[in-house]
């Protein structure tokens, strides 16, 4: 059985940067917390907790120490609260997310109604929205744009893990609802590249494994993309979830991983598959 690992599986630039900043902060021995999970990988969060870095859902109970801002970013009000409390802030917000926040702020201040393409329940989107005024709308598709009020000026930004096709569909609908449209393509290239690579690999193998947190939007999307081409696609978080029966009669296995998946977990998955391969 041949096992093929996607070239760009695992950490993207923003996630790698955030985890490095978090582990560096953890090593300083100060009272340190993250505001929300640093990335969508329970295993990385647990590892940091083992180093004394705990996750806070809000800053209510924190009066001193270091607060690490997660890679997805947080609401502008939460940053303001951290500054007011004079906490030491380690801002690990992904630069691509930060750019989306800045665009929303600028568009709102310039009188645009802002349309954010993304998942309204995702922490990244909730943070991005907080940088705008009272005319910020979150849509998940072009169809949802039809429910928006007509606006003379519309600005569009996207959650960094959105597909380019979805952004195009939303923009097309916005053109029918506004006179002036400004669009900022804030989709991270790493997401698009991983999806294209996953599609290509899924079409060449008999079974596909997608590794990453079940709470990771980009990993779930990778699994969906692969499943469209290869029905025998399995989304797992760790090597322990692998079932040997998945590989019965399989000659080629493809493996990819979400942008929040650390290398050590990918390595464990590859080792487990090789171990099963040798035992056949």
C-alpha atoms as a PDB file:
ATOM      1  CA  UNK A   1       0.000   0.000   0.000  1.00  0.00           C
ATOM      2  CA  UNK A   2       1.418   3.360  -1.044  1.00  0.00           C
ATOM      3  CA  UNK A   3       0.930   6.325   1.328  1.00  0.00           C
ATOM      4  CA  UNK A   4       1.082   9.861  -0.092  1.00  0.00           C
ATOM      5  CA  UNK A   5       1.313  12.915   2.175  1.00  0.00           C
ATOM      6  CA  UNK A   6       0.223  16.254   0.727  1.00  0.00           C
ATOM      7  CA  UNK A   7       3.136  18.684   0.416  1.00  0.00           C
ATOM      8  CA  UNK A   8       1.429  21.488   2.308  1.00  0.00           C
ATOM      9  CA  UNK A   9      -0.254  19.502   5.068  1.00  0.00           C
ATOM     10  CA  UNK A  10      -0.284  21.122   8.493  1.00  0.00           C
ATOM     11  CA  UNK A  11       0.538  24.515   9.956  1.00  0.00           C
ATOM     12  CA  UNK A  12       0.062  27.603   7.837  1.00  0.00           C
ATOM     13  CA  UNK A  13       2.141  30.741   8.435  1.00  0.00           C
ATOM     14  CA  UNK A  14      -0.359  32.379  10.811  1.00  0.00           C
ATOM     15  CA  UNK A  15      -0.849  29.293  12.976  1.00  0.00           C
ATOM     16  CA  UNK A  16       2.881  28.546  13.127  1.00  0.00           C
ATOM     17  CA  UNK A  17       3.534  32.141  14.192  1.00  0.00           C
ATOM     18  CA  UNK A  18       0.802  32.037  16.852  1.00  0.00           C
ATOM     19  CA  UNK A  19       1.972  28.766  18.407  1.00  0.00           C
ATOM     20  CA  UNK A  20       5.591  29.925  18.486  1.00  0.00           C
ATOM     21  CA  UNK A  21       4.533  33.118  20.266  1.00  0.00           C
ATOM     22  CA  UNK A  22       2.414  31.140  22.734  1.00  0.00           C
ATOM     23  CA  UNK A  23       5.144  28.630  23.610  1.00  0.00           C
ATOM     24  CA  UNK A  24       7.695  31.435  23.980  1.00  0.00           C
ATOM     25  CA  UNK A  25       5.356  33.275  26.358  1.00  0.00           C
ATOM     26  CA  UNK A  26       4.730  30.040  28.281  1.00  0.00           C
ATOM     27  CA  UNK A  27       8.444  29.577  28.835  1.00  0.00           C
ATOM     28  CA  UNK A  28       8.806  32.867  30.687  1.00  0.00           C
ATOM     29  CA  UNK A  29       7.233  31.489  33.850  1.00  0.00           C
ATOM     30  CA  UNK A  30       4.717  34.313  34.294  1.00  0.00           C
ATOM     31  CA  UNK A  31       0.987  33.988  34.925  1.00  0.00           C
ATOM     32  CA  UNK A  32      -0.123  33.454  31.312  1.00  0.00           C
ATOM     33  CA  UNK A  33      -3.474  32.820  29.642  1.00  0.00           C
ATOM     34  CA  UNK A  34      -4.885  32.681  26.125  1.00  0.00           C
ATOM     35  CA  UNK A  35      -8.099  34.504  25.275  1.00  0.00           C
ATOM     36  CA  UNK A  36      -9.904  31.614  23.614  1.00  0.00           C
ATOM     37  CA  UNK A  37      -8.011  28.558  22.269  1.00  0.00           C
ATOM     38  CA  UNK A  38      -4.772  29.746  20.605  1.00  0.00           C
ATOM     39  CA  UNK A  39      -5.609  27.621  17.524  1.00  0.00           C
ATOM     40  CA  UNK A  40      -8.242  24.994  16.706  1.00  0.00           C
ATOM     41  CA  UNK A  41      -6.150  22.048  17.819  1.00  0.00           C
ATOM     42  CA  UNK A  42      -7.173  20.499  21.178  1.00  0.00           C
ATOM     43  CA  UNK A  43      -3.795  18.757  21.354  1.00  0.00           C
ATOM     44  CA  UNK A  44      -1.823  22.033  21.122  1.00  0.00           C
ATOM     45  CA  UNK A  45      -4.165  23.665  23.662  1.00  0.00           C
ATOM     46  CA  UNK A  46      -3.604  20.727  26.052  1.00  0.00           C
ATOM     47  CA  UNK A  47       0.156  20.944  25.594  1.00  0.00           C
ATOM     48  CA  UNK A  48       0.131  24.638  26.498  1.00  0.00           C
ATOM     49  CA  UNK A  49      -2.073  23.929  29.489  1.00  0.00           C
ATOM     50  CA  UNK A  50       0.526  21.419  30.650  1.00  0.00           C
ATOM     51  CA  UNK A  51       2.989  24.332  30.605  1.00  0.00           C
ATOM     52  CA  UNK A  52       0.665  26.416  32.772  1.00  0.00           C
ATOM     53  CA  UNK A  53      -1.091  28.392  30.031  1.00  0.00           C
ATOM     54  CA  UNK A  54      -4.842  28.176  30.569  1.00  0.00           C
ATOM     55  CA  UNK A  55      -7.679  29.236  28.274  1.00  0.00           C
ATOM     56  CA  UNK A  56      -9.959  32.075  29.347  1.00  0.00           C
ATOM     57  CA  UNK A  57     -13.294  32.773  27.669  1.00  0.00           C
ATOM     58  CA  UNK A  58     -13.247  36.374  28.895  1.00  0.00           C
ATOM     59  CA  UNK A  59     -11.095  38.744  30.950  1.00  0.00           C
ATOM     60  CA  UNK A  60     -13.524  39.178  33.861  1.00  0.00           C
ATOM     61  CA  UNK A  61     -11.377  37.302  36.374  1.00  0.00           C
ATOM     62  CA  UNK A  62      -7.983  38.497  35.130  1.00  0.00           C
ATOM     63  CA  UNK A  63      -6.369  41.478  36.849  1.00  0.00           C
ATOM     64  CA  UNK A  64      -2.694  40.967  36.010  1.00  0.00           C
ATOM     65  CA  UNK A  65      -0.331  38.801  33.976  1.00  0.00           C
ATOM     66  CA  UNK A  66       0.063  37.995  30.275  1.00  0.00           C
ATOM     67  CA  UNK A  67      -2.816  37.460  27.890  1.00  0.00           C
ATOM     68  CA  UNK A  68      -2.185  35.850  24.499  1.00  0.00           C
ATOM     69  CA  UNK A  69      -4.584  36.798  21.697  1.00  0.00           C
ATOM     70  CA  UNK A  70      -5.465  33.702  19.655  1.00  0.00           C
ATOM     71  CA  UNK A  71      -4.633  33.349  15.956  1.00  0.00           C
ATOM     72  CA  UNK A  72      -8.283  33.951  14.995  1.00  0.00           C
ATOM     73  CA  UNK A  73      -8.236  37.322  16.748  1.00  0.00           C
ATOM     74  CA  UNK A  74     -10.735  38.659  19.280  1.00  0.00           C
ATOM     75  CA  UNK A  75     -13.284  41.465  19.477  1.00  0.00           C
ATOM     76  CA  UNK A  76     -11.960  45.016  19.573  1.00  0.00           C
ATOM     77  CA  UNK A  77     -13.722  45.505  22.935  1.00  0.00           C
ATOM     78  CA  UNK A  78     -11.672  42.663  24.436  1.00  0.00           C
ATOM     79  CA  UNK A  79      -8.418  44.238  23.277  1.00  0.00           C
ATOM     80  CA  UNK A  80      -9.597  47.501  24.830  1.00  0.00           C
ATOM     81  CA  UNK A  81     -10.359  45.750  28.113  1.00  0.00           C
ATOM     82  CA  UNK A  82      -6.884  44.152  28.189  1.00  0.00           C
ATOM     83  CA  UNK A  83      -5.282  47.563  27.610  1.00  0.00           C
ATOM     84  CA  UNK A  84      -7.441  49.156  30.317  1.00  0.00           C
ATOM     85  CA  UNK A  85      -6.417  46.480  32.812  1.00  0.00           C
ATOM     86  CA  UNK A  86      -2.773  47.063  31.835  1.00  0.00           C
ATOM     87  CA  UNK A  87      -2.216  43.397  31.045  1.00  0.00           C
ATOM     88  CA  UNK A  88       0.828  42.336  29.088  1.00  0.00           C
ATOM     89  CA  UNK A  89      -0.589  41.552  25.630  1.00  0.00           C
ATOM     90  CA  UNK A  90       0.945  39.027  23.234  1.00  0.00           C
ATOM     91  CA  UNK A  91      -1.016  39.572  20.027  1.00  0.00           C
ATOM     92  CA  UNK A  92      -0.801  36.340  18.044  1.00  0.00           C
ATOM     93  CA  UNK A  93      -3.623  37.323  15.658  1.00  0.00           C
ATOM     94  CA  UNK A  94      -2.853  36.021  12.161  1.00  0.00           C
ATOM     95  CA  UNK A  95      -1.699  38.961   9.966  1.00  0.00           C
ATOM     96  CA  UNK A  96      -4.296  37.979   7.346  1.00  0.00           C
ATOM     97  CA  UNK A  97      -7.075  38.162   9.950  1.00  0.00           C
ATOM     98  CA  UNK A  98      -5.682  41.472  11.192  1.00  0.00           C
ATOM     99  CA  UNK A  99      -5.879  42.840   7.640  1.00  0.00           C
ATOM    100  CA  UNK A 100      -9.567  41.857   7.423  1.00  0.00           C
ATOM    101  CA  UNK A 101     -10.217  43.636  10.736  1.00  0.00           C
ATOM    102  CA  UNK A 102      -8.511  46.775   9.442  1.00  0.00           C
ATOM    103  CA  UNK A 103     -10.521  46.751   6.196  1.00  0.00           C
ATOM    104  CA  UNK A 104     -13.825  46.473   8.082  1.00  0.00           C
ATOM    105  CA  UNK A 105     -12.852  49.364  10.341  1.00  0.00           C
ATOM    106  CA  UNK A 106     -11.759  51.545   7.412  1.00  0.00           C
ATOM    107  CA  UNK A 107     -14.845  50.756   5.304  1.00  0.00           C
ATOM    108  CA  UNK A 108     -17.223  51.464   8.188  1.00  0.00           C
ATOM    109  CA  UNK A 109     -15.515  54.774   8.945  1.00  0.00           C
ATOM    110  CA  UNK A 110     -15.843  55.696   5.248  1.00  0.00           C
ATOM    111  CA  UNK A 111     -19.617  55.176   5.298  1.00  0.00           C
ATOM    112  CA  UNK A 112     -19.828  51.758   3.642  1.00  0.00           C
ATOM    113  CA  UNK A 113     -22.240  49.035   4.634  1.00  0.00           C
ATOM    114  CA  UNK A 114     -19.923  46.076   5.193  1.00  0.00           C
ATOM    115  CA  UNK A 115     -20.606  42.507   4.099  1.00  0.00           C
ATOM    116  CA  UNK A 116     -18.414  39.856   5.728  1.00  0.00           C
ATOM    117  CA  UNK A 117     -18.414  36.528   3.872  1.00  0.00           C
ATOM    118  CA  UNK A 118     -18.140  33.754   6.415  1.00  0.00           C
ATOM    119  CA  UNK A 119     -19.560  31.732   9.272  1.00  0.00           C
ATOM    120  CA  UNK A 120     -21.293  34.034  11.765  1.00  0.00           C
ATOM    121  CA  UNK A 121     -20.577  31.637  14.642  1.00  0.00           C
ATOM    122  CA  UNK A 122     -16.842  31.435  13.985  1.00  0.00           C
ATOM    123  CA  UNK A 123     -14.614  33.398  16.432  1.00  0.00           C
ATOM    124  CA  UNK A 124     -12.598  34.893  13.572  1.00  0.00           C
ATOM    125  CA  UNK A 125     -15.733  36.371  12.002  1.00  0.00           C
ATOM    126  CA  UNK A 126     -17.087  37.592  15.341  1.00  0.00           C
ATOM    127  CA  UNK A 127     -13.818  39.407  15.924  1.00  0.00           C
ATOM    128  CA  UNK A 128     -13.759  40.914  12.417  1.00  0.00           C
ATOM    129  CA  UNK A 129     -17.350  42.184  12.754  1.00  0.00           C
ATOM    130  CA  UNK A 130     -16.529  43.979  16.017  1.00  0.00           C
ATOM    131  CA  UNK A 131     -14.238  46.396  14.166  1.00  0.00           C
ATOM    132  CA  UNK A 132     -17.130  47.801  12.139  1.00  0.00           C
ATOM    133  CA  UNK A 133     -20.065  50.050  12.907  1.00  0.00           C
ATOM    134  CA  UNK A 134     -23.776  49.277  13.025  1.00  0.00           C
ATOM    135  CA  UNK A 135     -24.011  48.362   9.321  1.00  0.00           C
ATOM    136  CA  UNK A 136     -21.995  45.133   9.237  1.00  0.00           C
ATOM    137  CA  UNK A 137     -23.665  42.000   7.867  1.00  0.00           C
ATOM    138  CA  UNK A 138     -22.384  38.411   7.843  1.00  0.00           C
ATOM    139  CA  UNK A 139     -23.450  36.191   4.942  1.00  0.00           C
ATOM    140  CA  UNK A 140     -22.567  32.577   4.228  1.00  0.00           C
ATOM    141  CA  UNK A 141     -23.556  32.594   0.559  1.00  0.00           C
ATOM    142  CA  UNK A 142     -24.719  34.724  -2.356  1.00  0.00           C
ATOM    143  CA  UNK A 143     -28.287  33.619  -1.624  1.00  0.00           C
ATOM    144  CA  UNK A 144     -28.134  35.277   1.807  1.00  0.00           C
ATOM    145  CA  UNK A 145     -27.182  38.621   0.227  1.00  0.00           C
ATOM    146  CA  UNK A 146     -30.703  38.832  -1.200  1.00  0.00           C
ATOM    147  CA  UNK A 147     -32.021  39.346   2.332  1.00  0.00           C
ATOM    148  CA  UNK A 148     -29.850  42.419   2.947  1.00  0.00           C
ATOM    149  CA  UNK A 149     -31.153  45.978   2.637  1.00  0.00           C
ATOM    150  CA  UNK A 150     -30.123  47.936  -0.462  1.00  0.00           C
ATOM    151  CA  UNK A 151     -27.122  50.180   0.200  1.00  0.00           C
ATOM    152  CA  UNK A 152     -25.524  52.903  -1.880  1.00  0.00           C
ATOM    153  CA  UNK A 153     -22.004  51.816  -0.842  1.00  0.00           C
ATOM    154  CA  UNK A 154     -21.037  48.225  -0.038  1.00  0.00           C
ATOM    155  CA  UNK A 155     -17.666  46.966   1.135  1.00  0.00           C
ATOM    156  CA  UNK A 156     -16.918  43.231   1.062  1.00  0.00           C
ATOM    157  CA  UNK A 157     -14.318  41.253   3.019  1.00  0.00           C
ATOM    158  CA  UNK A 158     -14.049  37.498   3.621  1.00  0.00           C
ATOM    159  CA  UNK A 159     -13.239  35.142   6.440  1.00  0.00           C
ATOM    160  CA  UNK A 160      -9.701  33.956   5.653  1.00  0.00           C
ATOM    161  CA  UNK A 161     -10.768  30.321   5.190  1.00  0.00           C
ATOM    162  CA  UNK A 162     -13.581  30.989   2.694  1.00  0.00           C
ATOM    163  CA  UNK A 163     -13.470  29.631  -0.848  1.00  0.00           C
ATOM    164  CA  UNK A 164     -12.841  32.077  -3.679  1.00  0.00           C
ATOM    165  CA  UNK A 165     -15.952  30.775  -5.469  1.00  0.00           C
ATOM    166  CA  UNK A 166     -18.152  31.705  -2.525  1.00  0.00           C
ATOM    167  CA  UNK A 167     -16.628  35.178  -2.359  1.00  0.00           C
ATOM    168  CA  UNK A 168     -17.316  35.659  -6.091  1.00  0.00           C
ATOM    169  CA  UNK A 169     -20.941  34.579  -5.668  1.00  0.00           C
ATOM    170  CA  UNK A 170     -21.466  37.045  -2.824  1.00  0.00           C
ATOM    171  CA  UNK A 171     -19.861  39.884  -4.776  1.00  0.00           C
ATOM    172  CA  UNK A 172     -22.079  39.138  -7.806  1.00  0.00           C
ATOM    173  CA  UNK A 173     -25.181  39.498  -5.642  1.00  0.00           C
ATOM    174  CA  UNK A 174     -23.836  42.651  -3.981  1.00  0.00           C
ATOM    175  CA  UNK A 175     -23.489  44.239  -7.426  1.00  0.00           C
ATOM    176  CA  UNK A 176     -27.261  43.955  -7.740  1.00  0.00           C
ATOM    177  CA  UNK A 177     -27.880  45.640  -4.388  1.00  0.00           C
ATOM    178  CA  UNK A 178     -25.436  48.555  -4.257  1.00  0.00           C
ATOM    179  CA  UNK A 179     -24.232  51.405  -6.417  1.00  0.00           C
ATOM    180  CA  UNK A 180     -20.592  51.409  -5.348  1.00  0.00           C
ATOM    181  CA  UNK A 181     -18.821  48.176  -4.405  1.00  0.00           C
ATOM    182  CA  UNK A 182     -15.374  47.815  -2.825  1.00  0.00           C
ATOM    183  CA  UNK A 183     -14.029  44.284  -2.472  1.00  0.00           C
ATOM    184  CA  UNK A 184     -11.033  43.150  -0.460  1.00  0.00           C
ATOM    185  CA  UNK A 185      -9.988  39.564  -1.094  1.00  0.00           C
ATOM    186  CA  UNK A 186      -8.904  38.627   2.421  1.00  0.00           C
ATOM    187  CA  UNK A 187      -8.873  34.866   1.768  1.00  0.00           C
ATOM    188  CA  UNK A 188      -5.586  33.315   2.854  1.00  0.00           C
ATOM    189  CA  UNK A 189      -3.692  31.721  -0.036  1.00  0.00           C
ATOM    190  CA  UNK A 190      -2.706  28.820   2.216  1.00  0.00           C
ATOM    191  CA  UNK A 191      -6.341  27.734   2.480  1.00  0.00           C
ATOM    192  CA  UNK A 192      -6.925  27.772  -1.274  1.00  0.00           C
ATOM    193  CA  UNK A 193      -3.634  25.998  -2.005  1.00  0.00           C
ATOM    194  CA  UNK A 194      -4.382  23.250   0.537  1.00  0.00           C
ATOM    195  CA  UNK A 195      -7.843  22.704  -0.918  1.00  0.00           C
ATOM    196  CA  UNK A 196      -6.573  22.467  -4.499  1.00  0.00           C
ATOM    197  CA  UNK A 197      -3.797  20.094  -3.469  1.00  0.00           C
ATOM    198  CA  UNK A 198      -6.285  17.974  -1.486  1.00  0.00           C
ATOM    199  CA  UNK A 199      -8.624  17.773  -4.502  1.00  0.00           C
ATOM    200  CA  UNK A 200      -5.818  16.591  -6.732  1.00  0.00           C
ATOM    201  CA  UNK A 201      -4.654  13.986  -4.218  1.00  0.00           C
ATOM    202  CA  UNK A 202      -8.175  12.715  -3.439  1.00  0.00           C
ATOM    203  CA  UNK A 203      -8.691  12.015  -7.125  1.00  0.00           C
ATOM    204  CA  UNK A 204      -5.601   9.789  -7.245  1.00  0.00           C
ATOM    205  CA  UNK A 205      -6.087   7.534  -4.194  1.00  0.00           C
ATOM    206  CA  UNK A 206      -8.426   4.803  -2.922  1.00  0.00           C
ATOM    207  CA  UNK A 207      -8.759   6.225   0.582  1.00  0.00           C
ATOM    208  CA  UNK A 208      -8.175   9.695   2.056  1.00  0.00           C
ATOM    209  CA  UNK A 209      -7.344  10.778   5.617  1.00  0.00           C
ATOM    210  CA  UNK A 210      -7.809  14.397   6.670  1.00  0.00           C
ATOM    211  CA  UNK A 211      -6.086  15.169   9.975  1.00  0.00           C
ATOM    212  CA  UNK A 212      -7.065  18.042  12.258  1.00  0.00           C
ATOM    213  CA  UNK A 213      -9.343  19.361  14.970  1.00  0.00           C
ATOM    214  CA  UNK A 214     -13.046  18.687  14.595  1.00  0.00           C
ATOM    215  CA  UNK A 215     -13.521  22.330  15.667  1.00  0.00           C
ATOM    216  CA  UNK A 216     -11.313  23.582  12.816  1.00  0.00           C
ATOM    217  CA  UNK A 217     -13.305  25.183   9.975  1.00  0.00           C
ATOM    218  CA  UNK A 218     -10.537  24.805   7.402  1.00  0.00           C
ATOM    219  CA  UNK A 219      -9.989  21.129   8.290  1.00  0.00           C
ATOM    220  CA  UNK A 220     -13.698  20.358   8.007  1.00  0.00           C
ATOM    221  CA  UNK A 221     -13.725  22.079   4.618  1.00  0.00           C
ATOM    222  CA  UNK A 222     -10.727  19.991   3.495  1.00  0.00           C
ATOM    223  CA  UNK A 223     -12.628  16.854   4.470  1.00  0.00           C
ATOM    224  CA  UNK A 224     -15.698  18.022   2.519  1.00  0.00           C
ATOM    225  CA  UNK A 225     -13.614  18.797  -0.565  1.00  0.00           C
ATOM    226  CA  UNK A 226     -11.948  15.372  -0.438  1.00  0.00           C
ATOM    227  CA  UNK A 227     -15.219  13.516   0.186  1.00  0.00           C
ATOM    228  CA  UNK A 228     -16.696  15.015  -2.974  1.00  0.00           C
ATOM    229  CA  UNK A 229     -14.017  13.226  -4.995  1.00  0.00           C
ATOM    230  CA  UNK A 230     -13.233  10.251  -2.769  1.00  0.00           C
ATOM    231  CA  UNK A 231     -16.172   8.828  -0.727  1.00  0.00           C
ATOM    232  CA  UNK A 232     -13.710   6.863   1.434  1.00  0.00           C
ATOM    233  CA  UNK A 233     -12.555  10.030   3.210  1.00  0.00           C
ATOM    234  CA  UNK A 234     -12.058  10.011   6.978  1.00  0.00           C
ATOM    235  CA  UNK A 235     -11.629  13.115   9.176  1.00  0.00           C
ATOM    236  CA  UNK A 236      -9.574  12.275  12.271  1.00  0.00           C
ATOM    237  CA  UNK A 237      -7.886  14.273  15.030  1.00  0.00           C
ATOM    238  CA  UNK A 238      -5.253  11.731  16.064  1.00  0.00           C
ATOM    239  CA  UNK A 239      -3.665   8.439  14.998  1.00  0.00           C
ATOM    240  CA  UNK A 240      -5.634   6.609  17.703  1.00  0.00           C
ATOM    241  CA  UNK A 241      -8.821   7.027  15.638  1.00  0.00           C
ATOM    242  CA  UNK A 242      -7.492   5.134  12.614  1.00  0.00           C
ATOM    243  CA  UNK A 243      -9.353   1.905  11.822  1.00  0.00           C
ATOM    244  CA  UNK A 244      -7.357  -0.787  10.031  1.00  0.00           C
ATOM    245  CA  UNK A 245     -10.522  -1.862   8.191  1.00  0.00           C
ATOM    246  CA  UNK A 246     -10.420   1.404   6.231  1.00  0.00           C
ATOM    247  CA  UNK A 247      -7.475   0.064   4.241  1.00  0.00           C
ATOM    248  CA  UNK A 248      -8.924  -3.307   3.177  1.00  0.00           C
ATOM    249  CA  UNK A 249      -8.312  -3.636  -0.568  1.00  0.00           C
ATOM    250  CA  UNK A 250      -6.752  -0.170  -0.691  1.00  0.00           C
ATOM    251  CA  UNK A 251      -3.609   0.336  -2.782  1.00  0.00           C
ATOM    252  CA  UNK A 252      -3.075   4.094  -2.413  1.00  0.00           C
ATOM    253  CA  UNK A 253      -3.788   6.240   0.664  1.00  0.00           C
ATOM    254  CA  UNK A 254      -3.704  10.029   0.650  1.00  0.00           C
ATOM    255  CA  UNK A 255      -3.077  12.102   3.794  1.00  0.00           C
ATOM    256  CA  UNK A 256      -3.574  15.815   4.261  1.00  0.00           C
ATOM    257  CA  UNK A 257      -4.019  18.001   7.321  1.00  0.00           C
ATOM    258  CA  UNK A 258      -5.646  21.282   8.265  1.00  0.00           C
ATOM    259  CA  UNK A 259      -3.745  24.509   8.851  1.00  0.00           C
ATOM    260  CA  UNK A 260      -4.035  24.052  12.645  1.00  0.00           C
ATOM    261  CA  UNK A 261      -2.591  20.527  12.728  1.00  0.00           C
ATOM    262  CA  UNK A 262       0.893  20.241  14.308  1.00  0.00           C
ATOM    263  CA  UNK A 263       3.616  18.198  12.643  1.00  0.00           C
ATOM    264  CA  UNK A 264       3.892  15.741  15.512  1.00  0.00           C
ATOM    265  CA  UNK A 265       0.277  14.624  15.022  1.00  0.00           C
ATOM    266  CA  UNK A 266       0.801  14.193  11.270  1.00  0.00           C
ATOM    267  CA  UNK A 267       3.955  12.168  11.983  1.00  0.00           C
ATOM    268  CA  UNK A 268       2.028   9.915  14.391  1.00  0.00           C
ATOM    269  CA  UNK A 269      -0.664   9.326  11.751  1.00  0.00           C
ATOM    270  CA  UNK A 270       1.926   8.444   9.108  1.00  0.00           C
ATOM    271  CA  UNK A 271       3.684   6.069  11.530  1.00  0.00           C
ATOM    272  CA  UNK A 272       0.394   4.359  12.409  1.00  0.00           C
ATOM    273  CA  UNK A 273      -0.470   3.792   8.730  1.00  0.00           C
ATOM    274  CA  UNK A 274       3.027   2.402   8.043  1.00  0.00           C
ATOM    275  CA  UNK A 275       2.707   0.128  11.062  1.00  0.00           C
ATOM    276  CA  UNK A 276      -0.611  -1.245   9.782  1.00  0.00           C
ATOM    277  CA  UNK A 277       0.902  -1.565   6.310  1.00  0.00           C
ATOM    278  CA  UNK A 278       3.751  -3.754   7.612  1.00  0.00           C
ATOM    279  CA  UNK A 279       1.402  -5.963   9.595  1.00  0.00           C
ATOM    280  CA  UNK A 280      -0.627  -6.916   6.483  1.00  0.00           C
END
